[in-house]
Amino acid sequence: MFGLFKKNPTKKLRKELQSLQEKSMNLQRNGDIRGSSMISQEADELWKKIQQIEASQNNK
């Protein structure tokens, strides 16, 4: 009951992840493969961070 008003800490990170994925997709469509792969790598690191946060929440 008291967790009802808690904010989801991964909500903002997921929004940022979606933005990075869209940016990567657009770069790839425009032919900038190197830029796309750099952005994609950032997105992968962010995804790992999200998974770690969610795993630590589930262990509580």
Protein backbone atom coordinates (compact mmCIF):
# COMPACT_ATOMS: atom_id res chain seq x y z
CA MET A 1 0.00 0.00 0.00
CA PHE A 2 2.79 2.42 0.81
CA GLY A 3 4.53 1.67 -2.48
CA LEU A 4 1.55 3.07 -4.35
CA PHE A 5 3.04 6.54 -4.73
CA LYS A 6 6.65 5.51 -5.37
CA LYS A 7 8.12 6.61 -8.66
CA ASN A 8 9.48 4.04 -11.05
CA PRO A 9 13.24 4.74 -11.26
CA THR A 10 13.57 3.07 -14.65
CA LYS A 11 10.81 5.05 -16.35
CA LYS A 12 13.10 7.93 -17.30
CA LEU A 13 15.87 5.54 -18.37
CA ARG A 14 13.47 3.59 -20.59
CA LYS A 15 12.37 6.83 -22.27
CA GLU A 16 16.02 7.71 -22.91
CA LEU A 17 16.63 4.18 -24.24
CA GLN A 18 13.76 4.53 -26.71
CA SER A 19 15.14 7.87 -27.86
CA LEU A 20 18.61 6.39 -28.43
CA GLN A 21 17.16 3.46 -30.36
CA GLU A 22 15.19 5.78 -32.64
CA LYS A 23 18.24 7.97 -33.21
CA SER A 24 20.31 4.90 -34.08
CA MET A 25 17.65 3.67 -36.50
CA ASN A 26 17.50 7.05 -38.25
CA LEU A 27 21.28 7.22 -38.57
CA GLN A 28 21.36 3.75 -40.07
CA ARG A 29 18.62 4.62 -42.56
CA ASN A 30 20.60 7.66 -43.65
CA GLY A 31 23.72 5.55 -44.23
CA ASP A 32 25.74 6.57 -41.17
CA ILE A 33 26.58 3.07 -39.98
CA ARG A 34 29.45 4.17 -37.73
CA GLY A 35 27.28 6.74 -35.93
CA SER A 36 24.47 4.22 -35.66
CA SER A 37 26.71 1.63 -34.04
CA MET A 38 28.04 4.17 -31.51
CA ILE A 39 24.52 5.18 -30.48
CA SER A 40 23.48 1.52 -30.42
CA GLN A 41 26.35 0.75 -28.05
CA GLU A 42 25.19 3.52 -25.71
CA ALA A 43 21.68 2.05 -25.82
CA ASP A 44 23.03 -1.41 -24.94
CA GLU A 45 24.89 -0.02 -21.92
CA LEU A 46 21.76 1.80 -20.79
CA TRP A 47 19.71 -1.40 -21.18
CA LYS A 48 22.18 -3.28 -18.96
CA LYS A 49 21.85 -0.54 -16.34
CA ILE A 50 18.04 -0.79 -16.47
CA GLN A 51 18.23 -4.56 -16.02
CA GLN A 52 20.50 -4.17 -12.99
CA ILE A 53 18.15 -1.68 -11.36
CA GLU A 54 15.12 -3.88 -11.96
CA ALA A 55 16.93 -6.96 -10.66
CA SER A 56 17.89 -5.14 -7.46
CA GLN A 57 14.27 -4.02 -7.00
CA ASN A 58 13.00 -7.57 -7.39
CA ASN A 59 15.44 -8.84 -4.77
CA LYS A 60 14.05 -6.54 -2.07
